[in-house]
Structure formats: structure tokens, C-alpha cells
């Protein structure tokens, strides 16, 4: 029989998966369209800082799910910010590698 803590753990896990995966479609869209003009540098910088602070918090609390979920989210946000600042030619090369069938 499930106890209340089991349900809370399930809710936490689902929340972690959803918030961690939420930026993956944005990253893919940026690569596919080869456009980063609509991405807010301030927003993603704030998100990245928040994810890093959650990782630090998780380390101090020894809360591995918090560390893992926010660590992955920080990596995804870093990739989005990196794509924002790389030259267009490099974004074209990434596009060719990520979406090879669409470029043929």
C-alpha cells in the first residue's frame, strides 16, 4: 500500500523530469531553425544561476535528486546560452549534425 511519502516522491520525480526536460525542445528548435534571435539572454542567465544555486543547495542538503535534476538543467541552459553567442557558421554545422535527414 502506498503511503503519503510515496505519492510525494512520485510528484517530486515527475516535477524534476518535466522541469529538466522543458528546455530540450527549445534547444532543438534553435538548432533546427538556426535562429537564436528570440532567446532572452537575461532569462536564460537567470535560469542558469538559479539552477546552479539549486545544485549548491542540494550539495549542502545531500539531496541527490535536486543535484542531478538541476545539474542537467544547468547544462541544458548553458547549451542554450552558448548557442546564442556562437557564430552563425558554427550553428549551421551543428544543425547539419543534429538534423542530417532534413539537410539532405
N, C-alpha and C. Protein backbone atom coordinates (compact mmCIF):
# COMPACT_ATOMS: atom_id res chain seq x y z
N UNK A 1 0.83 -1.18 0.00
CA UNK A 1 0.00 0.00 0.00
C UNK A 1 0.87 1.24 0.00
N UNK A 2 0.50 2.21 -0.81
CA UNK A 2 1.25 3.46 -0.89
C UNK A 2 0.97 4.32 0.33
N UNK A 3 2.02 4.93 0.86
CA UNK A 3 1.81 5.91 1.92
C UNK A 3 1.96 7.30 1.31
N UNK A 4 1.67 8.32 2.06
CA UNK A 4 1.69 9.69 1.55
C UNK A 4 3.08 10.07 1.03
N UNK A 5 4.14 9.57 1.67
CA UNK A 5 5.50 9.88 1.23
C UNK A 5 5.79 9.30 -0.15
N UNK A 6 5.20 8.16 -0.48
CA UNK A 6 5.37 7.58 -1.81
C UNK A 6 4.77 8.51 -2.86
N UNK A 7 3.59 9.04 -2.59
CA UNK A 7 2.95 9.96 -3.53
C UNK A 7 3.74 11.25 -3.66
N UNK A 8 4.28 11.74 -2.56
CA UNK A 8 5.09 12.95 -2.59
C UNK A 8 6.36 12.71 -3.41
N UNK A 9 6.96 11.56 -3.26
CA UNK A 9 8.15 11.22 -4.04
C UNK A 9 7.84 11.14 -5.53
N UNK A 10 6.69 10.57 -5.86
CA UNK A 10 6.28 10.48 -7.27
C UNK A 10 6.07 11.89 -7.84
N UNK A 11 5.39 12.74 -7.09
CA UNK A 11 5.17 14.12 -7.53
C UNK A 11 6.50 14.82 -7.74
N UNK A 12 7.42 14.67 -6.81
CA UNK A 12 8.74 15.30 -6.92
C UNK A 12 9.52 14.79 -8.12
N UNK A 13 9.45 13.50 -8.36
CA UNK A 13 10.16 12.92 -9.50
C UNK A 13 9.59 13.41 -10.83
N UNK A 14 8.27 13.42 -10.93
CA UNK A 14 7.63 13.91 -12.16
C UNK A 14 7.96 15.38 -12.37
N UNK A 15 7.92 16.17 -11.32
CA UNK A 15 8.27 17.60 -11.43
C UNK A 15 9.71 17.77 -11.89
N UNK A 16 10.62 16.99 -11.34
CA UNK A 16 12.03 17.09 -11.71
C UNK A 16 12.24 16.72 -13.18
N UNK A 17 11.59 15.65 -13.62
CA UNK A 17 11.73 15.22 -15.02
C UNK A 17 11.17 16.30 -15.97
N UNK A 18 10.00 16.82 -15.65
CA UNK A 18 9.38 17.82 -16.52
C UNK A 18 10.19 19.11 -16.59
N UNK A 19 10.63 19.61 -15.44
CA UNK A 19 11.38 20.87 -15.45
C UNK A 19 12.77 20.69 -16.06
N UNK A 20 13.33 19.51 -15.91
CA UNK A 20 14.64 19.26 -16.52
C UNK A 20 14.51 19.15 -18.04
N UNK A 21 13.47 18.49 -18.50
CA UNK A 21 13.29 18.28 -19.94
C UNK A 21 12.68 19.48 -20.66
N UNK A 22 12.17 20.43 -19.93
CA UNK A 22 11.41 21.54 -20.52
C UNK A 22 12.20 22.36 -21.54
N UNK A 23 13.49 22.48 -21.36
CA UNK A 23 14.29 23.30 -22.28
C UNK A 23 14.86 22.53 -23.46
N UNK A 24 14.70 21.24 -23.48
CA UNK A 24 15.22 20.45 -24.60
C UNK A 24 14.54 20.82 -25.92
N UNK A 25 13.21 20.97 -25.95
CA UNK A 25 12.58 21.37 -27.22
C UNK A 25 13.08 22.74 -27.72
N UNK A 26 13.33 23.67 -26.80
CA UNK A 26 13.84 24.98 -27.20
C UNK A 26 15.22 24.86 -27.82
N UNK A 27 16.06 24.05 -27.22
CA UNK A 27 17.40 23.85 -27.74
C UNK A 27 17.33 23.25 -29.15
N UNK A 28 16.50 22.23 -29.32
CA UNK A 28 16.35 21.59 -30.63
C UNK A 28 15.83 22.59 -31.66
N UNK A 29 14.83 23.39 -31.28
CA UNK A 29 14.26 24.37 -32.20
C UNK A 29 15.31 25.39 -32.64
N UNK A 30 16.15 25.83 -31.70
CA UNK A 30 17.20 26.78 -32.04
C UNK A 30 18.16 26.19 -33.07
N UNK A 31 18.50 24.92 -32.88
CA UNK A 31 19.42 24.26 -33.81
C UNK A 31 18.73 24.04 -35.16
N UNK A 32 17.49 23.59 -35.13
CA UNK A 32 16.77 23.28 -36.37
C UNK A 32 16.54 24.54 -37.21
N UNK A 33 16.12 25.62 -36.57
CA UNK A 33 15.82 26.86 -37.31
C UNK A 33 17.06 27.72 -37.53
N UNK A 34 18.15 27.37 -36.87
CA UNK A 34 19.40 28.14 -36.93
C UNK A 34 19.17 29.58 -36.50
N UNK A 35 18.28 29.77 -35.54
CA UNK A 35 17.95 31.11 -35.08
C UNK A 35 17.93 31.16 -33.56
N UNK A 36 18.61 32.16 -33.02
CA UNK A 36 18.61 32.38 -31.58
C UNK A 36 18.09 33.77 -31.23
N UNK A 37 17.55 34.47 -32.22
CA UNK A 37 17.18 35.88 -32.01
C UNK A 37 16.07 36.06 -30.99
N UNK A 38 15.19 35.08 -30.82
CA UNK A 38 14.07 35.22 -29.89
C UNK A 38 14.38 34.73 -28.47
N UNK A 39 15.61 34.35 -28.23
CA UNK A 39 16.00 33.84 -26.92
C UNK A 39 16.48 35.00 -26.05
N UNK A 40 15.94 35.11 -24.86
CA UNK A 40 16.32 36.16 -23.93
C UNK A 40 17.57 35.76 -23.15
N UNK A 41 18.63 36.49 -23.35
CA UNK A 41 19.87 36.23 -22.63
C UNK A 41 19.68 36.42 -21.13
N UNK A 42 18.93 37.44 -20.74
CA UNK A 42 18.69 37.70 -19.32
C UNK A 42 17.92 36.55 -18.69
N UNK A 43 16.87 36.08 -19.36
CA UNK A 43 16.07 34.99 -18.81
C UNK A 43 16.91 33.74 -18.61
N UNK A 44 17.66 33.34 -19.64
CA UNK A 44 18.44 32.11 -19.51
C UNK A 44 19.62 32.27 -18.56
N UNK A 45 20.15 33.48 -18.43
CA UNK A 45 21.21 33.72 -17.43
C UNK A 45 20.64 33.57 -16.03
N UNK A 46 19.44 34.10 -15.81
CA UNK A 46 18.80 33.96 -14.50
C UNK A 46 18.46 32.50 -14.21
N UNK A 47 17.95 31.80 -15.21
CA UNK A 47 17.66 30.37 -15.03
C UNK A 47 18.92 29.60 -14.68
N UNK A 48 19.99 29.87 -15.40
CA UNK A 48 21.25 29.17 -15.16
C UNK A 48 21.74 29.42 -13.73
N UNK A 49 21.71 30.68 -13.31
CA UNK A 49 22.13 30.99 -11.94
C UNK A 49 21.24 30.28 -10.93
N UNK A 50 19.94 30.27 -11.18
CA UNK A 50 19.03 29.55 -10.29
C UNK A 50 19.34 28.07 -10.22
N UNK A 51 19.59 27.45 -11.37
CA UNK A 51 19.93 26.02 -11.38
C UNK A 51 21.22 25.76 -10.61
N UNK A 52 22.21 26.63 -10.80
CA UNK A 52 23.48 26.46 -10.08
C UNK A 52 23.26 26.58 -8.57
N UNK A 53 22.46 27.55 -8.17
CA UNK A 53 22.18 27.71 -6.73
C UNK A 53 21.42 26.50 -6.18
N UNK A 54 20.51 25.92 -6.97
CA UNK A 54 19.82 24.70 -6.53
C UNK A 54 20.81 23.55 -6.37
N UNK A 55 21.78 23.47 -7.27
CA UNK A 55 22.81 22.42 -7.15
C UNK A 55 23.60 22.60 -5.85
N UNK A 56 24.00 23.84 -5.58
CA UNK A 56 24.74 24.13 -4.34
C UNK A 56 23.88 23.77 -3.12
N UNK A 57 22.63 24.17 -3.15
CA UNK A 57 21.70 23.82 -2.07
C UNK A 57 21.61 22.30 -1.92
N UNK A 58 21.45 21.61 -3.04
CA UNK A 58 21.36 20.15 -3.00
C UNK A 58 22.60 19.50 -2.42
N UNK A 59 23.75 20.07 -2.74
CA UNK A 59 25.01 19.54 -2.19
C UNK A 59 25.02 19.68 -0.67
N UNK A 60 24.67 20.87 -0.19
CA UNK A 60 24.66 21.08 1.26
C UNK A 60 23.61 20.22 1.96
N UNK A 61 22.50 19.98 1.30
CA UNK A 61 21.43 19.15 1.89
C UNK A 61 21.62 17.67 1.60
N UNK A 62 22.63 17.35 0.79
CA UNK A 62 22.87 15.97 0.33
C UNK A 62 21.61 15.39 -0.31
N UNK A 63 20.99 16.21 -1.15
CA UNK A 63 19.74 15.84 -1.83
C UNK A 63 20.09 15.55 -3.30
N UNK A 64 20.38 14.29 -3.58
CA UNK A 64 20.87 13.91 -4.90
C UNK A 64 19.88 14.15 -6.03
N UNK A 65 18.59 13.93 -5.85
CA UNK A 65 17.66 14.26 -6.93
C UNK A 65 17.70 15.76 -7.30
N UNK A 66 17.81 16.62 -6.31
CA UNK A 66 17.91 18.06 -6.57
C UNK A 66 19.21 18.36 -7.33
N UNK A 67 20.28 17.75 -6.91
CA UNK A 67 21.58 17.96 -7.57
C UNK A 67 21.52 17.50 -9.02
N UNK A 68 21.02 16.30 -9.24
CA UNK A 68 21.01 15.73 -10.59
C UNK A 68 20.09 16.50 -11.53
N UNK A 69 18.85 16.73 -11.09
CA UNK A 69 17.89 17.42 -11.96
C UNK A 69 18.36 18.83 -12.30
N UNK A 70 18.83 19.56 -11.32
CA UNK A 70 19.25 20.93 -11.58
C UNK A 70 20.61 20.99 -12.26
N UNK A 71 21.45 20.00 -12.04
CA UNK A 71 22.72 19.93 -12.77
C UNK A 71 22.48 19.72 -14.27
N UNK A 72 21.57 18.81 -14.60
CA UNK A 72 21.23 18.59 -16.01
C UNK A 72 20.58 19.84 -16.60
N UNK A 73 19.68 20.46 -15.84
CA UNK A 73 19.03 21.70 -16.31
C UNK A 73 20.06 22.80 -16.54
N UNK A 74 21.05 22.88 -15.67
CA UNK A 74 22.11 23.88 -15.84
C UNK A 74 22.89 23.63 -17.12
N UNK A 75 23.16 22.36 -17.42
CA UNK A 75 23.87 22.03 -18.67
C UNK A 75 23.05 22.42 -19.90
N UNK A 76 21.75 22.15 -19.85
CA UNK A 76 20.89 22.50 -20.98
C UNK A 76 20.82 24.02 -21.15
N UNK A 77 20.67 24.74 -20.04
CA UNK A 77 20.64 26.21 -20.12
C UNK A 77 21.97 26.77 -20.62
N UNK A 78 23.07 26.14 -20.21
CA UNK A 78 24.38 26.56 -20.70
C UNK A 78 24.47 26.35 -22.21
N UNK A 79 23.92 25.24 -22.69
CA UNK A 79 23.97 25.00 -24.14
C UNK A 79 23.13 26.03 -24.88
N UNK A 80 21.98 26.41 -24.32
CA UNK A 80 21.14 27.43 -24.96
C UNK A 80 21.87 28.76 -25.00
N UNK A 81 22.49 29.16 -23.90
CA UNK A 81 23.24 30.42 -23.89
C UNK A 81 24.44 30.35 -24.83
N UNK A 82 25.09 29.20 -24.89
CA UNK A 82 26.22 29.04 -25.81
C UNK A 82 25.78 29.20 -27.26
N UNK A 83 24.65 28.57 -27.60
CA UNK A 83 24.14 28.70 -28.96
C UNK A 83 23.83 30.15 -29.31
N UNK A 84 23.42 30.92 -28.31
CA UNK A 84 23.08 32.33 -28.52
C UNK A 84 24.30 33.13 -28.97
N UNK A 85 25.49 32.73 -28.52
CA UNK A 85 26.69 33.53 -28.76
C UNK A 85 27.67 32.94 -29.77
N UNK A 86 27.38 31.78 -30.32
CA UNK A 86 28.31 31.20 -31.30
C UNK A 86 28.06 31.81 -32.68
N UNK A 87 29.07 31.80 -33.53
CA UNK A 87 28.89 32.34 -34.88
C UNK A 87 27.87 31.51 -35.68
N UNK A 88 27.21 32.16 -36.63
CA UNK A 88 26.18 31.52 -37.45
C UNK A 88 26.72 30.29 -38.18
N UNK A 89 27.97 30.36 -38.66
CA UNK A 89 28.54 29.21 -39.38
C UNK A 89 28.65 27.98 -38.49
N UNK A 90 28.98 28.20 -37.23
CA UNK A 90 29.07 27.07 -36.31
C UNK A 90 27.68 26.51 -36.01
N UNK A 91 26.68 27.37 -35.90
CA UNK A 91 25.31 26.91 -35.69
C UNK A 91 24.84 26.11 -36.91
N UNK A 92 25.26 26.52 -38.11
CA UNK A 92 24.94 25.75 -39.32
C UNK A 92 25.54 24.34 -39.24
N UNK A 93 26.78 24.24 -38.77
CA UNK A 93 27.43 22.93 -38.67
C UNK A 93 26.72 22.05 -37.63
N UNK A 94 26.33 22.65 -36.53
CA UNK A 94 25.60 21.89 -35.51
C UNK A 94 24.27 21.41 -36.08
N UNK A 95 23.60 22.29 -36.83
CA UNK A 95 22.33 21.94 -37.46
C UNK A 95 22.51 20.73 -38.38
N UNK A 96 23.57 20.71 -39.16
CA UNK A 96 23.83 19.60 -40.08
C UNK A 96 24.02 18.28 -39.34
N UNK A 97 24.65 18.35 -38.17
CA UNK A 97 24.90 17.14 -37.39
C UNK A 97 23.64 16.65 -36.65
N UNK A 98 22.85 17.58 -36.15
CA UNK A 98 21.66 17.23 -35.36
C UNK A 98 20.48 16.84 -36.23
N UNK A 99 20.35 17.49 -37.39
CA UNK A 99 19.22 17.22 -38.27
C UNK A 99 19.72 16.79 -39.65
N UNK A 100 20.48 15.69 -39.75
CA UNK A 100 21.09 15.30 -41.04
C UNK A 100 20.06 14.94 -42.11
N UNK A 101 18.98 14.30 -41.75
CA UNK A 101 18.00 13.87 -42.75
C UNK A 101 17.29 15.07 -43.37
N UNK A 102 17.08 16.11 -42.62
CA UNK A 102 16.39 17.29 -43.11
C UNK A 102 17.28 18.14 -44.00
N UNK A 103 18.59 17.93 -43.91
CA UNK A 103 19.53 18.71 -44.70
C UNK A 103 19.93 18.01 -45.99
N UNK A 104 19.47 16.82 -46.21
CA UNK A 104 19.87 16.04 -47.40
C UNK A 104 19.12 16.48 -48.64
